Amino acid sequence: MKEENTLTKIFAYLSILSGAVWLGAYITRLMVSYQLFNIDMNFINYVNKQNIEGIMRTIAPTVNITFVSYIIFIVVFTLFLITTNLKLKRNGWLFIIAIIVYFTLPFEVYLLSFDYKIISDIYFSDAANFNKVLDLIKEQLHTFSGFPLIILFGYFAAVYFLLFKPLTTKDDK
């Protein structure tokens, strides 16, 4: 990374920062969201009309952070790949990270569409329908029930590849 220009280093830094923020918010959001449901995806008995607004106001910041930081991460990571001098052929770790990021992108974009609906219903509608928001969260968790774990393990693997940089070939100069 020493031979990279300043712009590429900035993109790398912003990519790591936004990726870390996204991953942290993603984990927090999953933990909070799954606490609302039983194993059979019915609401826990403490979710009722009296506290539903408070629950939604608690979840809303994690939805916002997840939504914004993922978009920033994808844009900045792509800019990093475009501007870097690192070749994917010689840096297998970067290639695998790119595969993980771009393989999960379509699924995450679909999940972001749920996030957009949730954000719209909470912040931009005249009378927020929190039951509708809870149903959206339930549908989102049900649609890709195991996918969040795949994403988490994939991005944890990406952190490993970023730290240890395996599969790097040396230049034959």
C-alpha atoms as a PDB file:
ATOM      1  CA  MET A   1       0.000   0.000   0.000  1.00  0.00           C
ATOM      2  CA  LYS A   2       3.057   2.239   0.264  1.00  0.00           C
ATOM      3  CA  GLU A   3       3.210   2.812  -3.492  1.00  0.00           C
ATOM      4  CA  GLU A   4      -0.453   3.825  -3.732  1.00  0.00           C
ATOM      5  CA  ASN A   5      -1.414   7.431  -4.356  1.00  0.00           C
ATOM      6  CA  THR A   6      -3.170   9.498  -1.719  1.00  0.00           C
ATOM      7  CA  LEU A   7      -6.608   9.206  -3.337  1.00  0.00           C
ATOM      8  CA  THR A   8      -6.408   5.412  -3.320  1.00  0.00           C
ATOM      9  CA  LYS A   9      -5.357   5.445   0.335  1.00  0.00           C
ATOM     10  CA  ILE A  10      -8.324   7.670   1.154  1.00  0.00           C
ATOM     11  CA  PHE A  11     -10.664   5.283  -0.689  1.00  0.00           C
ATOM     12  CA  ALA A  12      -9.131   2.335   1.177  1.00  0.00           C
ATOM     13  CA  TYR A  13      -9.563   4.083   4.531  1.00  0.00           C
ATOM     14  CA  LEU A  14     -13.156   5.124   3.800  1.00  0.00           C
ATOM     15  CA  SER A  15     -13.941   1.641   2.532  1.00  0.00           C
ATOM     16  CA  ILE A  16     -12.653   0.015   5.713  1.00  0.00           C
ATOM     17  CA  LEU A  17     -14.364   2.615   7.904  1.00  0.00           C
ATOM     18  CA  SER A  18     -17.762   2.413   6.207  1.00  0.00           C
ATOM     19  CA  GLY A  19     -17.519  -1.383   6.027  1.00  0.00           C
ATOM     20  CA  ALA A  20     -16.807  -1.590   9.757  1.00  0.00           C
ATOM     21  CA  VAL A  21     -19.661   0.797  10.582  1.00  0.00           C
ATOM     22  CA  TRP A  22     -22.010  -1.164   8.312  1.00  0.00           C
ATOM     23  CA  LEU A  23     -21.007  -4.517   9.783  1.00  0.00           C
ATOM     24  CA  GLY A  24     -21.425  -3.260  13.355  1.00  0.00           C
ATOM     25  CA  ALA A  25     -24.823  -1.730  12.626  1.00  0.00           C
ATOM     26  CA  TYR A  26     -25.840  -4.869  10.738  1.00  0.00           C
ATOM     27  CA  ILE A  27     -24.997  -7.103  13.702  1.00  0.00           C
ATOM     28  CA  THR A  28     -26.755  -4.748  16.131  1.00  0.00           C
ATOM     29  CA  ARG A  29     -29.819  -4.580  13.948  1.00  0.00           C
ATOM     30  CA  LEU A  30     -30.002  -8.349  13.587  1.00  0.00           C
ATOM     31  CA  MET A  31     -29.699  -8.822  17.326  1.00  0.00           C
ATOM     32  CA  VAL A  32     -32.428  -6.274  18.056  1.00  0.00           C
ATOM     33  CA  SER A  33     -34.725  -7.494  15.269  1.00  0.00           C
ATOM     34  CA  TYR A  34     -34.511 -11.166  16.182  1.00  0.00           C
ATOM     35  CA  GLN A  35     -35.371 -10.307  19.792  1.00  0.00           C
ATOM     36  CA  LEU A  36     -38.856  -9.293  18.636  1.00  0.00           C
ATOM     37  CA  PHE A  37     -39.835 -12.767  17.432  1.00  0.00           C
ATOM     38  CA  ASN A  38     -40.287 -16.302  18.727  1.00  0.00           C
ATOM     39  CA  ILE A  39     -38.750 -19.233  16.902  1.00  0.00           C
ATOM     40  CA  ASP A  40     -41.898 -19.563  14.772  1.00  0.00           C
ATOM     41  CA  MET A  41     -41.604 -15.863  13.735  1.00  0.00           C
ATOM     42  CA  ASN A  42     -44.532 -14.719  15.882  1.00  0.00           C
ATOM     43  CA  PHE A  43     -44.058 -11.598  17.945  1.00  0.00           C
ATOM     44  CA  ILE A  44     -42.805 -11.970  21.508  1.00  0.00           C
ATOM     45  CA  ASN A  45     -45.557 -11.298  24.048  1.00  0.00           C
ATOM     46  CA  TYR A  46     -44.089  -7.929  25.106  1.00  0.00           C
ATOM     47  CA  VAL A  47     -44.619  -6.420  21.636  1.00  0.00           C
ATOM     48  CA  ASN A  48     -47.959  -4.623  21.893  1.00  0.00           C
ATOM     49  CA  LYS A  49     -49.659  -1.417  20.786  1.00  0.00           C
ATOM     50  CA  GLN A  50     -48.397   0.516  23.796  1.00  0.00           C
ATOM     51  CA  ASN A  51     -44.689  -0.059  23.183  1.00  0.00           C
ATOM     52  CA  ILE A  52     -44.509  -0.602  19.435  1.00  0.00           C
ATOM     53  CA  GLU A  53     -43.568   3.022  18.741  1.00  0.00           C
ATOM     54  CA  GLY A  54     -40.678   2.869  21.209  1.00  0.00           C
ATOM     55  CA  ILE A  55     -39.445  -0.363  19.674  1.00  0.00           C
ATOM     56  CA  MET A  56     -39.530   1.149  16.191  1.00  0.00           C
ATOM     57  CA  ARG A  57     -37.756   4.302  17.349  1.00  0.00           C
ATOM     58  CA  THR A  58     -35.057   2.040  18.811  1.00  0.00           C
ATOM     59  CA  ILE A  59     -34.604   0.052  15.606  1.00  0.00           C
ATOM     60  CA  ALA A  60     -34.770   3.065  13.257  1.00  0.00           C
ATOM     61  CA  PRO A  61     -31.201   4.360  13.818  1.00  0.00           C
ATOM     62  CA  THR A  62     -29.685   0.955  13.063  1.00  0.00           C
ATOM     63  CA  VAL A  63     -31.746   0.739   9.885  1.00  0.00           C
ATOM     64  CA  ASN A  64     -30.550   4.209   8.848  1.00  0.00           C
ATOM     65  CA  ILE A  65     -26.907   3.483   9.612  1.00  0.00           C
ATOM     66  CA  THR A  66     -27.056   0.132   7.825  1.00  0.00           C
ATOM     67  CA  PHE A  67     -28.692   1.685   4.768  1.00  0.00           C
ATOM     68  CA  VAL A  68     -26.344   4.657   4.406  1.00  0.00           C
ATOM     69  CA  SER A  69     -23.087   2.967   5.381  1.00  0.00           C
ATOM     70  CA  TYR A  70     -23.618   0.033   2.990  1.00  0.00           C
ATOM     71  CA  ILE A  71     -24.199   2.369   0.057  1.00  0.00           C
ATOM     72  CA  ILE A  72     -21.093   4.367   0.992  1.00  0.00           C
ATOM     73  CA  PHE A  73     -19.112   1.141   1.417  1.00  0.00           C
ATOM     74  CA  ILE A  74     -20.028  -0.216  -2.018  1.00  0.00           C
ATOM     75  CA  VAL A  75     -19.290   3.075  -3.801  1.00  0.00           C
ATOM     76  CA  VAL A  76     -15.976   3.688  -2.030  1.00  0.00           C
ATOM     77  CA  PHE A  77     -14.841   0.047  -2.326  1.00  0.00           C
ATOM     78  CA  THR A  78     -15.522   0.149  -6.059  1.00  0.00           C
ATOM     79  CA  LEU A  79     -13.578   3.408  -6.372  1.00  0.00           C
ATOM     80  CA  PHE A  80     -10.720   1.813  -4.441  1.00  0.00           C
ATOM     81  CA  LEU A  81     -10.636  -1.155  -6.833  1.00  0.00           C
ATOM     82  CA  ILE A  82     -10.637   1.199  -9.822  1.00  0.00           C
ATOM     83  CA  THR A  83      -7.841   3.448  -8.538  1.00  0.00           C
ATOM     84  CA  THR A  84      -5.534   0.941  -6.859  1.00  0.00           C
ATOM     85  CA  ASN A  85      -2.284  -0.317  -8.334  1.00  0.00           C
ATOM     86  CA  LEU A  86      -2.914  -3.722  -6.757  1.00  0.00           C
ATOM     87  CA  LYS A  87      -3.679  -6.386  -9.340  1.00  0.00           C
ATOM     88  CA  LEU A  88      -6.347  -8.906  -8.434  1.00  0.00           C
ATOM     89  CA  LYS A  89      -4.349 -11.635 -10.168  1.00  0.00           C
ATOM     90  CA  ARG A  90      -1.355 -11.099  -7.855  1.00  0.00           C
ATOM     91  CA  ASN A  91      -3.371 -10.344  -4.706  1.00  0.00           C
ATOM     92  CA  GLY A  92      -5.739 -13.230  -4.132  1.00  0.00           C
ATOM     93  CA  TRP A  93      -6.876 -11.793  -0.821  1.00  0.00           C
ATOM     94  CA  LEU A  94      -8.236  -8.698  -2.577  1.00  0.00           C
ATOM     95  CA  PHE A  95      -9.846 -10.843  -5.263  1.00  0.00           C
ATOM     96  CA  ILE A  96     -11.642 -12.946  -2.639  1.00  0.00           C
ATOM     97  CA  ILE A  97     -12.803  -9.827  -0.780  1.00  0.00           C
ATOM     98  CA  ALA A  98     -14.147  -8.405  -4.064  1.00  0.00           C
ATOM     99  CA  ILE A  99     -15.940 -11.694  -4.788  1.00  0.00           C
ATOM    100  CA  ILE A 100     -17.540 -11.666  -1.326  1.00  0.00           C
ATOM    101  CA  VAL A 101     -18.622  -8.029  -1.662  1.00  0.00           C
ATOM    102  CA  TYR A 102     -20.017  -8.286  -5.180  1.00  0.00           C
ATOM    103  CA  PHE A 103     -21.567 -11.731  -4.732  1.00  0.00           C
ATOM    104  CA  THR A 104     -23.619 -10.527  -1.770  1.00  0.00           C
ATOM    105  CA  LEU A 105     -24.450  -7.173  -3.412  1.00  0.00           C
ATOM    106  CA  PRO A 106     -27.689  -8.210  -5.223  1.00  0.00           C
ATOM    107  CA  PHE A 107     -29.079  -9.804  -2.082  1.00  0.00           C
ATOM    108  CA  GLU A 108     -28.146  -6.808   0.035  1.00  0.00           C
ATOM    109  CA  VAL A 109     -29.733  -4.438  -2.491  1.00  0.00           C
ATOM    110  CA  TYR A 110     -32.951  -6.435  -2.192  1.00  0.00           C
ATOM    111  CA  LEU A 111     -32.743  -6.202   1.603  1.00  0.00           C
ATOM    112  CA  LEU A 112     -32.020  -2.468   1.289  1.00  0.00           C
ATOM    113  CA  SER A 113     -35.353  -2.108  -0.516  1.00  0.00           C
ATOM    114  CA  PHE A 114     -37.005  -3.289   2.721  1.00  0.00           C
ATOM    115  CA  ASP A 115     -34.870  -0.820   4.661  1.00  0.00           C
ATOM    116  CA  TYR A 116     -35.991   1.989   2.372  1.00  0.00           C
ATOM    117  CA  LYS A 117     -39.642   1.090   2.997  1.00  0.00           C
ATOM    118  CA  ILE A 118     -39.008   0.978   6.749  1.00  0.00           C
ATOM    119  CA  ILE A 119     -37.237   4.349   6.715  1.00  0.00           C
ATOM    120  CA  SER A 120     -40.008   5.851   4.573  1.00  0.00           C
ATOM    121  CA  ASP A 121     -42.730   4.557   6.866  1.00  0.00           C
ATOM    122  CA  ILE A 122     -41.036   5.734  10.057  1.00  0.00           C
ATOM    123  CA  TYR A 123     -39.721   9.130   8.991  1.00  0.00           C
ATOM    124  CA  PHE A 124     -41.539  10.304   5.879  1.00  0.00           C
ATOM    125  CA  SER A 125     -45.156   9.253   6.275  1.00  0.00           C
ATOM    126  CA  ASP A 126     -47.701  11.487   7.953  1.00  0.00           C
ATOM    127  CA  ALA A 127     -48.885   8.838  10.371  1.00  0.00           C
ATOM    128  CA  ALA A 128     -46.277   6.163  10.888  1.00  0.00           C
ATOM    129  CA  ASN A 129     -47.864   2.725  10.716  1.00  0.00           C
ATOM    130  CA  PHE A 130     -45.617   0.800  13.086  1.00  0.00           C
ATOM    131  CA  ASN A 131     -47.522  -2.442  12.591  1.00  0.00           C
ATOM    132  CA  LYS A 132     -46.659  -2.215   8.896  1.00  0.00           C
ATOM    133  CA  VAL A 133     -43.016  -1.595   9.811  1.00  0.00           C
ATOM    134  CA  LEU A 134     -42.985  -4.652  12.070  1.00  0.00           C
ATOM    135  CA  ASP A 135     -44.508  -6.698   9.260  1.00  0.00           C
ATOM    136  CA  LEU A 136     -41.777  -5.434   6.909  1.00  0.00           C
ATOM    137  CA  ILE A 137     -39.102  -6.459   9.410  1.00  0.00           C
ATOM    138  CA  LYS A 138     -40.741  -9.854   9.796  1.00  0.00           C
ATOM    139  CA  GLU A 139     -40.941 -10.308   6.020  1.00  0.00           C
ATOM    140  CA  GLN A 140     -37.317  -9.238   5.639  1.00  0.00           C
ATOM    141  CA  LEU A 141     -36.137 -11.732   8.257  1.00  0.00           C
ATOM    142  CA  HIS A 142     -38.315 -14.477   6.793  1.00  0.00           C
ATOM    143  CA  THR A 143     -37.326 -13.860   3.159  1.00  0.00           C
ATOM    144  CA  PHE A 144     -33.608 -14.385   3.723  1.00  0.00           C
ATOM    145  CA  SER A 145     -33.677 -16.264   6.999  1.00  0.00           C
ATOM    146  CA  GLY A 146     -30.168 -17.745   6.827  1.00  0.00           C
ATOM    147  CA  PHE A 147     -28.596 -15.179   4.550  1.00  0.00           C
ATOM    148  CA  PRO A 148     -27.539 -12.726   7.293  1.00  0.00           C
ATOM    149  CA  LEU A 149     -25.344 -15.447   8.796  1.00  0.00           C
ATOM    150  CA  ILE A 150     -23.761 -16.097   5.410  1.00  0.00           C
ATOM    151  CA  ILE A 151     -23.091 -12.380   5.050  1.00  0.00           C
ATOM    152  CA  LEU A 152     -21.582 -12.166   8.532  1.00  0.00           C
ATOM    153  CA  PHE A 153     -19.269 -15.133   8.002  1.00  0.00           C
ATOM    154  CA  GLY A 154     -18.338 -13.831   4.557  1.00  0.00           C
ATOM    155  CA  TYR A 155     -17.402 -10.420   5.873  1.00  0.00           C
ATOM    156  CA  PHE A 156     -15.578 -11.917   8.861  1.00  0.00           C
ATOM    157  CA  ALA A 157     -13.559 -13.911   6.314  1.00  0.00           C
ATOM    158  CA  ALA A 158     -12.954 -10.672   4.402  1.00  0.00           C
ATOM    159  CA  VAL A 159     -11.523  -9.117   7.575  1.00  0.00           C
ATOM    160  CA  TYR A 160      -9.187 -12.111   7.900  1.00  0.00           C
ATOM    161  CA  PHE A 161      -8.050 -11.720   4.281  1.00  0.00           C
ATOM    162  CA  LEU A 162      -7.543  -8.005   4.782  1.00  0.00           C
ATOM    163  CA  LEU A 163      -5.432  -8.495   7.900  1.00  0.00           C
ATOM    164  CA  PHE A 164      -3.246 -11.410   6.836  1.00  0.00           C
ATOM    165  CA  LYS A 165      -3.260 -10.967   3.036  1.00  0.00           C
ATOM    166  CA  PRO A 166      -2.835 -14.614   2.060  1.00  0.00           C
ATOM    167  CA  LEU A 167      -2.603 -15.710  -1.575  1.00  0.00           C
ATOM    168  CA  THR A 168      -0.257 -12.882  -2.502  1.00  0.00           C
ATOM    169  CA  THR A 169       2.300 -13.572  -5.218  1.00  0.00           C
ATOM    170  CA  LYS A 170       5.603 -11.760  -5.315  1.00  0.00           C
ATOM    171  CA  ASP A 171       6.797  -9.811  -8.332  1.00  0.00           C
ATOM    172  CA  ASP A 172       9.556 -11.513 -10.301  1.00  0.00           C
ATOM    173  CA  LYS A 173      11.747  -8.464 -10.847  1.00  0.00           C
END
